Amino acid sequence: MESKYAEENISTKQPTPREKARVPSEDGDQKRPGRVKTPQGERPQTPDSSALLRFCFPKGSRLLRRADFVRVYATGKRFEGRFMTVFILPGKTENQRVGVTATKKAIGKAHDRNRAKRLLRETFRLSRAELDRIETKYDWVINARRSLVFAKLEKPLAEFRVIAEKVRKIETSVDSPPASQETGKVG
């Protein structure tokens, strides 16, 4: 049984278009202001890419494999701080490498962990001058602590620079011979 309801009750004619579909208001029918376009000669200059390269964090400067992290944890030296725990181990490459961790147990939510890792990577990057003074090239693993989530960049940066200075002092004290050998006397 076929129904002819649609044919009988639904019109196939298109309605006539209305000229003004907007309801008039007390302000009238004002147009939205258009986008401001700057003239061709007044556009901002593109950034110099060579200047931006100094701020990069190349792949060769990162610890990427789990085995590298485990090796540094197992045999490296540990430094505790308020915002981070740092593990170092002399590396096999010609530059300082870093690995950053922020665990769910220590930090919590994913957005907090991401922020903590960004802060620690930026801290390492901004401390390049201090790291260049260290002759031995280390593999660094930096673990975020809970207090890092509430800190601005300046405090973790200052703490990392103190740790880098401790590493430099330890390195120079190990490299320098005892005083009796410096003077040539046997003690």
N, C-alpha and C. Protein backbone atom coordinates (compact mmCIF):
# COMPACT_ATOMS: atom_id res chain seq x y z
N MET A 1 0.82 -1.16 0.00
CA MET A 1 0.00 0.00 0.00
C MET A 1 0.88 1.24 0.00
N GLU A 2 0.73 2.03 -1.00
CA GLU A 2 1.55 3.20 -1.15
C GLU A 2 0.82 4.43 -0.66
N SER A 3 1.51 5.23 0.11
CA SER A 3 0.90 6.42 0.66
C SER A 3 1.18 7.61 -0.24
N LYS A 4 0.18 8.43 -0.47
CA LYS A 4 0.35 9.64 -1.28
C LYS A 4 0.32 10.88 -0.40
N TYR A 5 0.68 10.67 0.87
CA TYR A 5 0.65 11.77 1.82
C TYR A 5 1.61 12.88 1.40
N ALA A 6 2.84 12.52 1.02
CA ALA A 6 3.84 13.51 0.67
C ALA A 6 3.41 14.32 -0.55
N GLU A 7 2.86 13.66 -1.55
CA GLU A 7 2.42 14.36 -2.75
C GLU A 7 1.29 15.33 -2.44
N GLU A 8 0.39 14.95 -1.55
CA GLU A 8 -0.76 15.77 -1.26
C GLU A 8 -0.47 16.91 -0.29
N ASN A 9 0.45 16.70 0.65
CA ASN A 9 0.63 17.66 1.74
C ASN A 9 1.92 18.47 1.72
N ILE A 10 2.91 18.08 0.92
CA ILE A 10 4.18 18.82 0.90
C ILE A 10 4.33 19.50 -0.45
N SER A 11 4.55 20.79 -0.40
CA SER A 11 4.68 21.58 -1.61
C SER A 11 6.09 21.43 -2.18
N THR A 12 6.17 21.40 -3.50
CA THR A 12 7.47 21.34 -4.16
C THR A 12 7.91 22.71 -4.64
N LYS A 13 7.09 23.73 -4.45
CA LYS A 13 7.43 25.08 -4.85
C LYS A 13 8.42 25.68 -3.86
N GLN A 14 9.38 26.40 -4.40
CA GLN A 14 10.35 27.08 -3.55
C GLN A 14 9.72 28.37 -3.06
N PRO A 15 9.96 28.73 -1.77
CA PRO A 15 9.40 29.98 -1.28
C PRO A 15 10.11 31.16 -1.93
N THR A 16 9.44 32.30 -2.05
CA THR A 16 10.04 33.50 -2.62
C THR A 16 11.03 34.07 -1.62
N PRO A 17 12.18 34.50 -2.10
CA PRO A 17 13.19 35.03 -1.18
C PRO A 17 12.74 36.36 -0.58
N ARG A 18 13.05 36.53 0.69
CA ARG A 18 12.72 37.78 1.35
C ARG A 18 13.84 38.77 1.13
N GLU A 19 13.48 40.02 0.99
CA GLU A 19 14.50 41.02 0.73
C GLU A 19 15.34 41.29 1.96
N LYS A 20 14.75 41.48 3.11
CA LYS A 20 15.49 41.74 4.33
C LYS A 20 15.07 40.72 5.36
N ALA A 21 15.98 39.82 5.65
CA ALA A 21 15.66 38.77 6.62
C ALA A 21 15.91 39.25 8.04
N ARG A 22 16.63 40.33 8.22
CA ARG A 22 16.95 40.81 9.55
C ARG A 22 15.78 41.57 10.16
N VAL A 23 15.68 41.44 11.46
CA VAL A 23 14.66 42.18 12.18
C VAL A 23 15.25 43.56 12.48
N PRO A 24 14.55 44.62 12.13
CA PRO A 24 15.11 45.95 12.38
C PRO A 24 15.22 46.22 13.88
N SER A 25 16.29 46.93 14.24
CA SER A 25 16.49 47.27 15.65
C SER A 25 16.64 48.78 15.77
N GLU A 26 16.80 49.23 17.01
CA GLU A 26 16.88 50.68 17.22
C GLU A 26 18.16 51.26 16.65
N ASP A 27 19.24 50.42 16.53
CA ASP A 27 20.50 50.91 15.97
C ASP A 27 20.49 50.89 14.45
N GLY A 28 19.48 50.33 13.88
CA GLY A 28 19.43 50.22 12.44
C GLY A 28 20.16 48.97 11.98
N ASP A 29 20.33 48.85 10.70
CA ASP A 29 21.00 47.69 10.14
C ASP A 29 22.43 48.07 9.82
N GLN A 30 23.28 48.10 10.83
CA GLN A 30 24.67 48.52 10.63
C GLN A 30 25.52 47.33 10.21
N LYS A 31 26.49 47.61 9.36
CA LYS A 31 27.40 46.57 8.93
C LYS A 31 28.51 46.40 9.97
N ARG A 32 29.01 45.21 10.04
CA ARG A 32 30.15 44.93 10.91
C ARG A 32 31.38 45.61 10.32
N PRO A 33 32.24 46.20 11.17
CA PRO A 33 33.43 46.85 10.61
C PRO A 33 34.34 45.82 9.93
N GLY A 34 34.90 46.22 8.82
CA GLY A 34 35.76 45.33 8.05
C GLY A 34 37.13 45.17 8.69
N ARG A 35 37.90 44.24 8.18
CA ARG A 35 39.24 43.96 8.68
C ARG A 35 40.18 45.06 8.23
N VAL A 36 41.01 45.51 9.13
CA VAL A 36 41.97 46.56 8.81
C VAL A 36 43.15 45.91 8.08
N LYS A 37 43.45 46.40 6.92
CA LYS A 37 44.56 45.86 6.16
C LYS A 37 45.68 46.88 6.14
N THR A 38 46.89 46.41 6.42
CA THR A 38 48.04 47.32 6.37
C THR A 38 48.54 47.39 4.93
N PRO A 39 49.00 48.56 4.53
CA PRO A 39 49.55 48.67 3.18
C PRO A 39 50.77 47.76 3.01
N GLN A 40 51.09 47.44 1.77
CA GLN A 40 52.15 46.49 1.46
C GLN A 40 53.49 46.88 2.09
N GLY A 41 53.87 48.12 2.07
CA GLY A 41 55.17 48.55 2.58
C GLY A 41 55.24 48.60 4.10
N GLU A 42 54.12 48.55 4.80
CA GLU A 42 54.13 48.71 6.25
C GLU A 42 53.97 47.39 7.01
N ARG A 43 54.07 46.27 6.34
CA ARG A 43 53.94 44.98 7.01
C ARG A 43 55.16 44.72 7.88
N PRO A 44 54.98 43.96 8.97
CA PRO A 44 56.14 43.67 9.81
C PRO A 44 57.15 42.80 9.07
N GLN A 45 58.42 43.01 9.40
CA GLN A 45 59.48 42.27 8.75
C GLN A 45 59.48 40.82 9.24
N THR A 46 59.86 39.91 8.39
CA THR A 46 59.98 38.51 8.78
C THR A 46 61.20 38.35 9.68
N PRO A 47 61.15 37.49 10.68
CA PRO A 47 62.29 37.35 11.58
C PRO A 47 63.49 36.74 10.86
N ASP A 48 64.66 37.12 11.31
CA ASP A 48 65.90 36.61 10.75
C ASP A 48 66.08 35.17 11.23
N SER A 49 66.07 34.23 10.32
CA SER A 49 66.13 32.82 10.72
C SER A 49 67.45 32.45 11.36
N SER A 50 68.54 33.12 11.00
CA SER A 50 69.83 32.79 11.63
C SER A 50 69.83 33.18 13.10
N ALA A 51 69.11 34.23 13.46
CA ALA A 51 69.01 34.62 14.87
C ALA A 51 68.17 33.62 15.64
N LEU A 52 67.17 33.04 14.99
CA LEU A 52 66.31 32.08 15.66
C LEU A 52 66.99 30.73 15.87
N LEU A 53 68.00 30.42 15.07
CA LEU A 53 68.68 29.13 15.20
C LEU A 53 69.40 29.01 16.54
N ARG A 54 69.81 30.13 17.13
CA ARG A 54 70.49 30.07 18.43
C ARG A 54 69.54 29.57 19.51
N PHE A 55 68.26 29.71 19.32
CA PHE A 55 67.29 29.33 20.33
C PHE A 55 66.75 27.91 20.13
N CYS A 56 67.30 27.20 19.16
CA CYS A 56 66.77 25.87 18.89
C CYS A 56 67.28 24.86 19.92
N PHE A 57 66.66 23.73 19.94
CA PHE A 57 67.04 22.64 20.83
C PHE A 57 67.20 21.42 19.94
N PRO A 58 68.37 21.27 19.28
CA PRO A 58 68.53 20.25 18.25
C PRO A 58 68.42 18.83 18.79
N LYS A 59 68.15 17.91 17.91
CA LYS A 59 67.96 16.52 18.27
C LYS A 59 69.22 15.92 18.89
N GLY A 60 70.38 16.37 18.45
CA GLY A 60 71.63 15.88 18.99
C GLY A 60 71.87 16.28 20.44
N SER A 61 71.09 17.22 20.95
CA SER A 61 71.22 17.69 22.33
C SER A 61 70.21 17.04 23.26
N ARG A 62 69.50 16.01 22.76
CA ARG A 62 68.47 15.38 23.58
C ARG A 62 68.76 13.90 23.78
N LEU A 63 68.41 13.41 24.95
CA LEU A 63 68.40 11.96 25.19
C LEU A 63 67.04 11.46 24.74
N LEU A 64 67.04 10.47 23.87
CA LEU A 64 65.78 10.03 23.29
C LEU A 64 65.41 8.60 23.66
N ARG A 65 66.40 7.77 23.89
CA ARG A 65 66.13 6.35 24.12
C ARG A 65 66.03 6.04 25.61
N ARG A 66 65.16 5.11 25.95
CA ARG A 66 64.99 4.69 27.34
C ARG A 66 66.29 4.14 27.90
N ALA A 67 67.05 3.45 27.09
CA ALA A 67 68.32 2.87 27.54
C ALA A 67 69.29 3.96 28.03
N ASP A 68 69.28 5.12 27.37
CA ASP A 68 70.14 6.22 27.81
C ASP A 68 69.71 6.74 29.18
N PHE A 69 68.40 6.86 29.38
CA PHE A 69 67.89 7.31 30.68
C PHE A 69 68.27 6.31 31.77
N VAL A 70 68.07 5.03 31.51
CA VAL A 70 68.37 3.99 32.50
C VAL A 70 69.85 3.98 32.84
N ARG A 71 70.71 4.14 31.84
CA ARG A 71 72.16 4.18 32.05
C ARG A 71 72.55 5.34 32.95
N VAL A 72 71.98 6.51 32.72
CA VAL A 72 72.30 7.68 33.54
C VAL A 72 71.78 7.49 34.97
N TYR A 73 70.57 6.96 35.12
CA TYR A 73 70.03 6.70 36.46
C TYR A 73 70.90 5.70 37.22
N ALA A 74 71.34 4.65 36.54
CA ALA A 74 72.04 3.55 37.22
C ALA A 74 73.45 3.94 37.64
N THR A 75 74.18 4.64 36.80
CA THR A 75 75.59 4.89 37.10
C THR A 75 75.94 6.36 37.25
N GLY A 76 74.97 7.25 37.11
CA GLY A 76 75.25 8.68 37.17
C GLY A 76 75.29 9.24 38.58
N LYS A 77 75.70 10.49 38.67
CA LYS A 77 75.75 11.23 39.93
C LYS A 77 74.46 12.03 40.08
N ARG A 78 73.97 12.13 41.32
CA ARG A 78 72.66 12.73 41.58
C ARG A 78 72.83 14.06 42.33
N PHE A 79 72.04 15.06 41.91
CA PHE A 79 71.99 16.36 42.58
C PHE A 79 70.53 16.69 42.88
N GLU A 80 70.23 16.98 44.13
CA GLU A 80 68.87 17.30 44.55
C GLU A 80 68.68 18.81 44.59
N GLY A 81 67.51 19.25 44.19
CA GLY A 81 67.14 20.65 44.28
C GLY A 81 65.69 20.77 44.69
N ARG A 82 65.25 21.99 44.89
CA ARG A 82 63.86 22.21 45.28
C ARG A 82 62.90 21.94 44.14
N PHE A 83 63.31 22.30 42.92
CA PHE A 83 62.43 22.18 41.76
C PHE A 83 62.75 20.98 40.88
N MET A 84 63.93 20.39 41.05
CA MET A 84 64.34 19.31 40.16
C MET A 84 65.35 18.40 40.83
N THR A 85 65.47 17.20 40.29
CA THR A 85 66.53 16.28 40.64
C THR A 85 67.31 16.03 39.35
N VAL A 86 68.64 16.20 39.42
CA VAL A 86 69.47 16.11 38.24
C VAL A 86 70.41 14.91 38.37
N PHE A 87 70.48 14.11 37.32
CA PHE A 87 71.41 13.00 37.24
C PHE A 87 72.36 13.30 36.08
N ILE A 88 73.68 13.10 36.30
CA ILE A 88 74.63 13.34 35.22
C ILE A 88 75.54 12.13 35.08
N LEU A 89 76.00 11.94 33.86
CA LEU A 89 76.94 10.88 33.54
C LEU A 89 77.75 11.36 32.35
N PRO A 90 79.09 11.21 32.39
CA PRO A 90 79.88 11.63 31.22
C PRO A 90 79.38 10.93 29.96
N GLY A 91 79.16 11.73 28.95
CA GLY A 91 78.59 11.21 27.71
C GLY A 91 79.63 10.83 26.69
N LYS A 92 79.15 10.25 25.61
CA LYS A 92 80.03 9.79 24.54
C LYS A 92 79.98 10.72 23.33
N THR A 93 79.25 11.82 23.45
CA THR A 93 79.11 12.73 22.31
C THR A 93 79.91 14.00 22.56
N GLU A 94 79.94 14.86 21.55
CA GLU A 94 80.72 16.10 21.65
C GLU A 94 79.92 17.27 22.22
N ASN A 95 78.67 17.04 22.62
CA ASN A 95 77.88 18.12 23.22
C ASN A 95 77.10 17.60 24.42
N GLN A 96 76.64 18.55 25.24
CA GLN A 96 75.82 18.21 26.39
C GLN A 96 74.46 17.73 25.89
N ARG A 97 73.96 16.63 26.45
CA ARG A 97 72.64 16.13 26.06
C ARG A 97 71.75 16.10 27.29
N VAL A 98 70.46 16.32 27.07
CA VAL A 98 69.53 16.36 28.20
C VAL A 98 68.30 15.51 27.90
N GLY A 99 67.80 14.90 28.95
CA GLY A 99 66.53 14.21 28.92
C GLY A 99 65.70 14.73 30.08
N VAL A 100 64.45 15.01 29.85
CA VAL A 100 63.59 15.61 30.86
C VAL A 100 62.43 14.66 31.15
N THR A 101 62.14 14.46 32.45
CA THR A 101 61.01 13.63 32.83
C THR A 101 60.14 14.37 33.83
N ALA A 102 58.86 14.11 33.74
CA ALA A 102 57.89 14.64 34.70
C ALA A 102 56.83 13.54 34.86
N THR A 103 56.90 12.83 35.96
CA THR A 103 56.03 11.66 36.13
C THR A 103 54.66 12.05 36.65
N LYS A 104 53.71 11.18 36.39
CA LYS A 104 52.34 11.39 36.87
C LYS A 104 52.31 11.35 38.40
N LYS A 105 53.14 10.51 39.00
CA LYS A 105 53.19 10.39 40.45
C LYS A 105 53.72 11.68 41.09
N ALA A 106 54.74 12.27 40.49
CA ALA A 106 55.36 13.46 41.08
C ALA A 106 54.59 14.74 40.76
N ILE A 107 54.07 14.85 39.54
CA ILE A 107 53.49 16.11 39.08
C ILE A 107 51.97 16.07 39.05
N GLY A 108 51.40 15.04 38.47
CA GLY A 108 49.94 14.96 38.41
C GLY A 108 49.42 15.05 36.99
N LYS A 109 48.55 16.01 36.75
CA LYS A 109 47.82 16.14 35.48
C LYS A 109 48.76 16.36 34.29
N ALA A 110 48.29 15.98 33.12
CA ALA A 110 49.11 16.05 31.90
C ALA A 110 49.53 17.48 31.57
N HIS A 111 48.64 18.45 31.75
CA HIS A 111 49.02 19.82 31.41
C HIS A 111 50.09 20.34 32.36
N ASP A 112 50.09 19.89 33.62
CA ASP A 112 51.15 20.28 34.55
C ASP A 112 52.47 19.61 34.18
N ARG A 113 52.41 18.35 33.76
CA ARG A 113 53.63 17.65 33.34
C ARG A 113 54.23 18.30 32.10
N ASN A 114 53.39 18.68 31.15
CA ASN A 114 53.88 19.34 29.94
C ASN A 114 54.53 20.68 30.27
N ARG A 115 53.92 21.44 31.16
CA ARG A 115 54.49 22.72 31.56
C ARG A 115 55.83 22.53 32.26
N ALA A 116 55.90 21.54 33.14
CA ALA A 116 57.15 21.27 33.86
C ALA A 116 58.26 20.89 32.88
N LYS A 117 57.95 20.06 31.90
CA LYS A 117 58.97 19.66 30.92
C LYS A 117 59.41 20.85 30.07
N ARG A 118 58.47 21.71 29.69
CA ARG A 118 58.84 22.91 28.93
C ARG A 118 59.77 23.80 29.74
N LEU A 119 59.44 24.00 31.03
CA LEU A 119 60.29 24.83 31.89
C LEU A 119 61.69 24.24 32.01
N LEU A 120 61.80 22.94 32.18
CA LEU A 120 63.11 22.33 32.35
C LEU A 120 63.92 22.36 31.05
N ARG A 121 63.28 22.15 29.92
CA ARG A 121 64.01 22.25 28.64
C ARG A 121 64.51 23.68 28.43
N GLU A 122 63.66 24.66 28.74
CA GLU A 122 64.05 26.05 28.57
C GLU A 122 65.17 26.41 29.55
N THR A 123 65.11 25.88 30.75
CA THR A 123 66.16 26.11 31.74
C THR A 123 67.49 25.58 31.20
N PHE A 124 67.49 24.39 30.65
CA PHE A 124 68.72 23.81 30.09
C PHE A 124 69.22 24.66 28.93
N ARG A 125 68.31 25.07 28.07
CA ARG A 125 68.70 25.85 26.89
C ARG A 125 69.30 27.20 27.27
N LEU A 126 68.70 27.86 28.26
CA LEU A 126 69.18 29.17 28.68
C LEU A 126 70.48 29.09 29.49
N SER A 127 70.83 27.92 29.95
CA SER A 127 72.06 27.74 30.74
C SER A 127 73.21 27.29 29.87
N ARG A 128 73.12 27.51 28.60
CA ARG A 128 74.16 27.06 27.68
C ARG A 128 75.53 27.65 28.01
N ALA A 129 75.58 28.90 28.44
CA ALA A 129 76.87 29.53 28.78
C ALA A 129 77.53 28.80 29.95
N GLU A 130 76.76 28.45 30.97
CA GLU A 130 77.30 27.73 32.13
C GLU A 130 77.72 26.32 31.72
N LEU A 131 76.96 25.70 30.84
CA LEU A 131 77.28 24.35 30.41
C LEU A 131 78.52 24.32 29.52
N ASP A 132 78.76 25.38 28.78
CA ASP A 132 79.94 25.44 27.93
C ASP A 132 81.22 25.53 28.75
N ARG A 133 81.14 26.05 29.98
CA ARG A 133 82.32 26.13 30.85
C ARG A 133 82.71 24.76 31.41
N ILE A 134 81.82 23.79 31.33
CA ILE A 134 82.11 22.44 31.80
C ILE A 134 82.81 21.71 30.65
N GLU A 135 84.04 21.26 30.89
CA GLU A 135 84.82 20.66 29.81
C GLU A 135 84.28 19.29 29.40
N THR A 136 83.96 18.46 30.38
CA THR A 136 83.42 17.13 30.08
C THR A 136 81.99 17.28 29.58
N LYS A 137 81.66 16.57 28.55
CA LYS A 137 80.30 16.60 28.02
C LYS A 137 79.49 15.50 28.70
N TYR A 138 78.42 15.91 29.36
CA TYR A 138 77.61 15.00 30.16
C TYR A 138 76.29 14.71 29.49
N ASP A 139 75.71 13.57 29.88
CA ASP A 139 74.31 13.28 29.61
C ASP A 139 73.56 13.66 30.88
N TRP A 140 72.60 14.55 30.76
CA TRP A 140 71.84 15.07 31.90
C TRP A 140 70.44 14.48 31.85
N VAL A 141 69.95 14.00 32.96
CA VAL A 141 68.54 13.64 33.08
C VAL A 141 67.98 14.50 34.20
N ILE A 142 66.96 15.28 33.89
CA ILE A 142 66.37 16.20 34.85
C ILE A 142 64.96 15.73 35.15
N ASN A 143 64.70 15.43 36.41
CA ASN A 143 63.36 15.03 36.85
C ASN A 143 62.68 16.21 37.51
N ALA A 144 61.46 16.49 37.10
CA ALA A 144 60.69 17.59 37.67
C ALA A 144 60.13 17.19 39.03
N ARG A 145 60.08 18.15 39.93
CA ARG A 145 59.44 17.94 41.22
C ARG A 145 58.17 18.77 41.27
N ARG A 146 57.28 18.44 42.19
CA ARG A 146 55.96 19.06 42.28
C ARG A 146 56.02 20.58 42.40
N SER A 147 57.00 21.10 43.13
CA SER A 147 57.08 22.55 43.34
C SER A 147 57.36 23.32 42.05
N LEU A 148 57.85 22.64 41.02
CA LEU A 148 58.13 23.30 39.75
C LEU A 148 56.87 23.80 39.07
N VAL A 149 55.76 23.14 39.30
CA VAL A 149 54.50 23.50 38.64
C VAL A 149 54.07 24.93 39.01
N PHE A 150 54.38 25.35 40.21
CA PHE A 150 53.94 26.66 40.69
C PHE A 150 55.01 27.74 40.54
N ALA A 151 56.13 27.43 39.91
CA ALA A 151 57.24 28.36 39.81
C ALA A 151 57.28 29.03 38.45
N LYS A 152 57.85 30.22 38.42
CA LYS A 152 58.16 30.91 37.17
C LYS A 152 59.54 30.43 36.72
N LEU A 153 59.96 30.80 35.53
CA LEU A 153 61.20 30.31 34.94
C LEU A 153 62.45 30.73 35.73
N GLU A 154 62.44 31.89 36.37
CA GLU A 154 63.65 32.42 37.01
C GLU A 154 64.17 31.51 38.11
N LYS A 155 63.29 30.97 38.94
CA LYS A 155 63.74 30.17 40.08
C LYS A 155 64.36 28.83 39.64
N PRO A 156 63.70 28.05 38.77
CA PRO A 156 64.37 26.82 38.33
C PRO A 156 65.65 27.10 37.55
N LEU A 157 65.67 28.21 36.81
CA LEU A 157 66.87 28.57 36.06
C LEU A 157 68.03 28.84 37.01
N ALA A 158 67.77 29.60 38.06
CA ALA A 158 68.82 29.90 39.05
C ALA A 158 69.29 28.60 39.73
N GLU A 159 68.36 27.72 40.06
CA GLU A 159 68.72 26.47 40.71
C GLU A 159 69.56 25.60 39.78
N PHE A 160 69.19 25.52 38.50
CA PHE A 160 69.96 24.70 37.57
C PHE A 160 71.36 25.26 37.38
N ARG A 161 71.49 26.58 37.35
CA ARG A 161 72.82 27.18 37.20
C ARG A 161 73.70 26.88 38.41
N VAL A 162 73.11 26.82 39.60
CA VAL A 162 73.87 26.45 40.80
C VAL A 162 74.34 25.00 40.68
N ILE A 163 73.48 24.13 40.21
CA ILE A 163 73.85 22.72 40.03
C ILE A 163 74.95 22.59 38.97
N ALA A 164 74.83 23.33 37.87
CA ALA A 164 75.86 23.29 36.82
C ALA A 164 77.20 23.78 37.37
N GLU A 165 77.16 24.78 38.23
CA GLU A 165 78.41 25.28 38.85
C GLU A 165 79.01 24.21 39.77
N LYS A 166 78.17 23.49 40.51
CA LYS A 166 78.67 22.39 41.36
C LYS A 166 79.34 21.33 40.52
N VAL A 167 78.74 21.00 39.38
CA VAL A 167 79.31 20.00 38.48
C VAL A 167 80.67 20.48 37.97
N ARG A 168 80.76 21.75 37.62
CA ARG A 168 82.03 22.31 37.12
C ARG A 168 83.10 22.24 38.20
N LYS A 169 82.74 22.57 39.45
CA LYS A 169 83.71 22.55 40.55
C LYS A 169 84.16 21.12 40.85
N ILE A 170 83.23 20.18 40.82
CA ILE A 170 83.60 18.78 41.04
C ILE A 170 84.55 18.32 39.94
N GLU A 171 84.27 18.72 38.72
CA GLU A 171 85.10 18.33 37.59
C GLU A 171 86.51 18.89 37.72
N THR A 172 86.63 20.16 38.11
CA THR A 172 87.95 20.77 38.23
C THR A 172 88.71 20.20 39.42
N SER A 173 88.02 19.82 40.50
CA SER A 173 88.71 19.24 41.65
C SER A 173 89.20 17.83 41.33
N VAL A 174 88.50 17.09 40.50
CA VAL A 174 88.93 15.75 40.11
C VAL A 174 90.10 15.83 39.13
N ASP A 175 90.05 16.80 38.21
CA ASP A 175 91.09 16.92 37.19
C ASP A 175 92.40 17.44 37.75
N SER A 176 92.36 18.28 38.79
CA SER A 176 93.60 18.86 39.30
C SER A 176 94.29 17.87 40.23
N PRO A 177 95.61 17.72 40.09
CA PRO A 177 96.34 16.80 40.94
C PRO A 177 96.47 17.35 42.35
N PRO A 178 96.78 16.52 43.35
CA PRO A 178 96.98 17.01 44.71
C PRO A 178 98.13 18.00 44.78
N ALA A 179 98.16 18.80 45.85
CA ALA A 179 99.17 19.88 45.97
C ALA A 179 100.58 19.33 45.98
N SER A 180 100.83 18.16 46.57
CA SER A 180 102.18 17.61 46.63
C SER A 180 102.69 17.26 45.23
N GLN A 181 101.83 16.87 44.33
CA GLN A 181 102.25 16.53 42.97
C GLN A 181 102.43 17.77 42.13
N GLU A 182 101.72 18.84 42.44
CA GLU A 182 101.87 20.08 41.68
C GLU A 182 103.26 20.67 41.89
N THR A 183 103.75 20.62 43.10
CA THR A 183 105.04 21.24 43.39
C THR A 183 106.19 20.29 43.10
N GLY A 184 105.89 19.05 42.85
CA GLY A 184 106.91 18.07 42.55
C GLY A 184 107.41 17.36 43.77
N LYS A 185 106.91 17.64 44.95
CA LYS A 185 107.33 16.98 46.18
C LYS A 185 106.58 15.68 46.34
N VAL A 186 107.22 14.72 46.89
CA VAL A 186 106.58 13.45 47.19
C VAL A 186 106.12 13.50 48.62
N GLY A 187 104.90 13.17 48.90
CA GLY A 187 104.38 13.38 50.23
C GLY A 187 104.10 12.17 50.92
